[in-house]
Amino acid sequence: GVMVIVLLNGYIRPTTIIVAKVAIPPGVQLTADLLEPRTIPMQARPQDAFERMEDLQGKILAVGRAPGDVILA
């Protein structure tokens, strides 16, 4: 079992991105209670996705997001 996990992690290469935890309308200042990290395969990561919540603190959302939507630069 451990060997399978090691092999899959090497192939999938999990990475963390930041997504909306709740629906966020445009013009809202982002805070930690509105966001959450999500682990996805590296191949599925949008190029301009944020990886750390600290990078989004205090920023204003230009486009509304639904729960689970990736927060993009």
Protein backbone atom coordinates (compact mmCIF):
# COMPACT_ATOMS: atom_id res chain seq x y z
CA GLY A 1 0.00 0.00 0.00
CA VAL A 2 2.76 2.46 0.93
CA MET A 3 4.64 1.71 -2.29
CA VAL A 4 1.54 2.48 -4.39
CA ILE A 5 1.12 5.84 -2.64
CA VAL A 6 4.78 6.68 -3.20
CA LEU A 7 4.56 5.76 -6.89
CA LEU A 8 1.31 7.71 -7.42
CA ASN A 9 2.68 10.80 -5.66
CA GLY A 10 5.68 10.68 -7.97
CA TYR A 11 3.43 10.46 -11.02
CA ILE A 12 0.61 12.78 -9.94
CA ARG A 13 2.85 15.27 -8.08
CA PRO A 14 0.19 16.78 -5.79
CA THR A 15 0.19 20.56 -5.36
CA THR A 16 -1.91 22.99 -3.34
CA ILE A 17 -4.05 25.77 -4.80
CA ILE A 18 -6.41 28.24 -3.13
CA VAL A 19 -10.14 28.03 -3.87
CA ALA A 20 -13.25 29.86 -2.70
CA LYS A 21 -14.76 28.26 0.41
CA VAL A 22 -18.09 30.08 -0.11
CA ALA A 23 -19.68 32.15 -2.86
CA ILE A 24 -17.76 35.44 -3.12
CA PRO A 25 -19.25 38.38 -5.04
CA PRO A 26 -16.98 40.76 -6.98
CA GLY A 27 -15.55 43.70 -5.04
CA VAL A 28 -15.11 41.77 -1.78
CA GLN A 29 -11.82 42.00 0.12
CA LEU A 30 -10.44 38.47 0.51
CA THR A 31 -9.92 37.03 3.99
CA ALA A 32 -8.93 33.58 5.24
CA ASP A 33 -12.52 32.69 6.18
CA LEU A 34 -13.55 32.99 2.50
CA LEU A 35 -10.75 30.76 1.15
CA GLU A 36 -9.42 27.25 1.59
CA PRO A 37 -6.49 25.21 0.26
CA ARG A 38 -7.15 22.26 -2.04
CA THR A 39 -4.71 19.57 -3.17
CA ILE A 40 -4.82 18.69 -6.87
CA PRO A 41 -2.49 16.96 -9.36
CA MET A 42 0.22 19.31 -10.69
CA GLN A 43 -0.97 18.69 -14.27
CA ALA A 44 -4.43 20.12 -13.40
CA ARG A 45 -3.10 23.33 -11.78
CA PRO A 46 -4.00 26.51 -13.69
CA GLN A 47 -0.82 28.46 -14.41
CA ASP A 48 -2.00 31.61 -12.62
CA ALA A 49 -3.54 29.91 -9.55
CA PHE A 50 -2.46 31.07 -6.10
CA GLU A 51 -0.71 28.52 -3.88
CA ARG A 52 -0.65 30.41 -0.56
CA MET A 53 -3.49 32.16 1.27
CA GLU A 54 -1.04 34.78 2.52
CA ASP A 55 -0.65 36.04 -1.06
CA LEU A 56 -4.39 36.85 -1.21
CA GLN A 57 -4.99 38.52 2.16
CA GLY A 58 -6.47 41.97 1.64
CA LYS A 59 -6.81 41.71 -2.15
CA ILE A 60 -10.10 42.72 -3.78
CA LEU A 61 -11.84 40.09 -5.93
CA ALA A 62 -12.56 41.44 -9.43
CA VAL A 63 -14.74 38.54 -10.59
CA GLY A 64 -17.25 36.68 -8.44
CA ARG A 65 -16.44 33.08 -7.49
CA ALA A 66 -18.59 30.08 -6.56
CA PRO A 67 -17.58 27.63 -3.81
CA GLY A 68 -14.68 25.52 -5.09
CA ASP A 69 -13.64 27.98 -7.82
CA VAL A 70 -9.91 28.50 -8.16
CA ILE A 71 -8.70 31.98 -7.22
CA LEU A 72 -6.62 33.25 -10.14
CA ALA A 73 -4.16 36.12 -10.48
